[in-house]
Each structure stands twice: as structure tokens, then as C-alpha cells.
Amino acid sequence: MQTPISCFTELTDPRVDRSKDHLMEDIIFTAIAAVICGAETWNDIEHYGKSKESWLKQYLQLPNVSLLTTPLIDFLVRWILTNLSRPSRHG
């Protein structure tokens, strides 16, 4: 049975290896959870990740101490822009 987090492991990660401080599925799950909880800006997502870090650690791997930082926000923006600019594979 597939878990919600495992769905994100199939996504292509556009980052170079040296900039992978966090697992992409952890980042995306945190961003989605933040938006569900009312986050409306990248700063809201960052605040959510920092304030809920101990809760998130129960469900995510979070290999590094601090989850959401400015580099994370940069990654999310790049990833979204990259994937939104690609032609749809579904039609």
C-alpha cells in the first residue's frame, strides 16, 4: 500500500546533488501541509515548517536539523516553475 509521502518519491528532483540538504518528499509534504493549514505565502510555509518541526519529525525523515530555510523556498519556486512550464503528459 502506497503512503501519501511515497507518492512524491516518483517526482523528478531538479536540484544538483550538492544542494540536496533535505529530501524532496519531505519538502513537498511540508509545503502541502502548510497550505492546508492556511499558509498563503512562501514565508508562511517557512514559518509553518519551523513551528511544526517536532510534529513533522514524527512522520518525515528530516535528515537535517532545520527543515525550512530560504534555500528551500528558492527550491520550491524553481521546482514549481519548472514543472508548470513542461507540457502535460496527460493530454
Protein backbone atom coordinates (compact mmCIF):
# COMPACT_ATOMS: atom_id res chain seq x y z
CA MET A 1 0.00 0.00 0.00
CA GLN A 2 1.34 3.38 -1.00
CA THR A 3 1.60 6.13 1.63
CA PRO A 4 0.85 9.78 0.80
CA ILE A 5 4.52 10.68 1.20
CA SER A 6 5.71 7.88 -1.10
CA CYS A 7 3.76 9.48 -3.97
CA PHE A 8 6.33 12.28 -4.02
CA THR A 9 9.33 9.96 -4.43
CA GLU A 10 8.43 9.47 -8.10
CA LEU A 11 8.85 13.19 -8.90
CA THR A 12 11.98 14.41 -10.66
CA ASP A 13 14.22 16.42 -8.35
CA PRO A 14 15.80 19.32 -10.31
CA ARG A 15 18.47 20.05 -7.70
CA VAL A 16 22.13 19.16 -8.07
CA ASP A 17 23.38 16.62 -5.52
CA ARG A 18 25.41 19.12 -3.53
CA SER A 19 22.30 21.21 -2.80
CA LYS A 20 20.13 18.36 -1.53
CA ASP A 21 20.06 19.16 2.18
CA HIS A 22 16.52 17.84 2.52
CA LEU A 23 14.55 15.05 0.89
CA MET A 24 12.25 16.40 -1.78
CA GLU A 25 9.28 14.40 -0.45
CA ASP A 26 9.79 15.99 2.99
CA ILE A 27 9.83 19.46 1.45
CA ILE A 28 6.74 18.92 -0.68
CA PHE A 29 4.78 17.26 2.12
CA THR A 30 5.60 20.14 4.45
CA ALA A 31 4.56 22.73 1.86
CA ILE A 32 1.26 20.96 1.20
CA ALA A 33 0.54 20.58 4.92
CA ALA A 34 1.30 24.28 5.44
CA VAL A 35 -1.09 25.33 2.67
CA ILE A 36 -3.83 23.05 4.04
CA CYS A 37 -3.31 24.77 7.41
CA GLY A 38 -3.71 28.23 5.87
CA ALA A 39 -0.26 29.23 4.60
CA GLU A 40 -0.59 31.72 1.76
CA THR A 41 2.99 32.83 1.13
CA TRP A 42 6.44 31.25 0.99
CA ASN A 43 7.20 32.92 4.33
CA ASP A 44 4.06 31.32 5.81
CA ILE A 45 5.31 27.91 4.64
CA GLU A 46 8.71 28.59 6.21
CA HIS A 47 7.08 29.65 9.49
CA TYR A 48 4.85 26.55 9.47
CA GLY A 49 7.80 24.21 8.94
CA LYS A 50 9.79 25.78 11.75
CA SER A 51 6.87 25.89 14.19
CA LYS A 52 5.77 22.29 13.45
CA GLU A 53 9.21 20.74 13.10
CA SER A 54 8.87 18.41 16.11
CA TRP A 55 5.49 17.16 14.82
CA LEU A 56 6.81 16.73 11.27
CA LYS A 57 9.76 14.67 12.57
CA GLN A 58 7.27 12.01 13.66
CA TYR A 59 6.27 11.37 10.04
CA LEU A 60 9.16 12.57 7.85
CA GLN A 61 12.82 11.64 7.70
CA LEU A 62 14.15 15.23 8.01
CA PRO A 63 17.85 14.32 7.80
CA ASN A 64 18.96 17.85 8.73
CA VAL A 65 18.17 19.87 11.83
CA SER A 66 16.24 22.77 10.36
CA LEU A 67 13.65 21.99 7.68
CA LEU A 68 12.58 25.24 6.10
CA THR A 69 15.10 27.86 5.13
CA THR A 70 15.47 30.42 2.37
CA PRO A 71 17.21 27.85 0.10
CA LEU A 72 14.12 25.67 0.49
CA ILE A 73 11.85 28.46 -0.65
CA ASP A 74 14.13 29.01 -3.65
CA PHE A 75 13.93 25.28 -4.44
CA LEU A 76 10.12 25.25 -4.24
CA VAL A 77 9.81 28.23 -6.57
CA ARG A 78 12.25 26.67 -9.10
CA TRP A 79 10.56 23.27 -8.91
CA ILE A 80 7.07 24.67 -9.39
CA LEU A 81 8.12 26.92 -12.26
CA THR A 82 10.00 24.06 -13.94
CA ASN A 83 7.10 21.65 -13.67
CA LEU A 84 4.40 24.13 -14.62
CA SER A 85 6.30 25.09 -17.75
CA ARG A 86 6.51 21.48 -19.01
CA PRO A 87 3.87 20.19 -21.42
CA SER A 88 1.32 17.93 -19.74
CA ARG A 89 1.94 14.20 -20.10
CA HIS A 90 -1.77 13.54 -19.75
CA GLY A 91 -3.18 15.02 -22.82
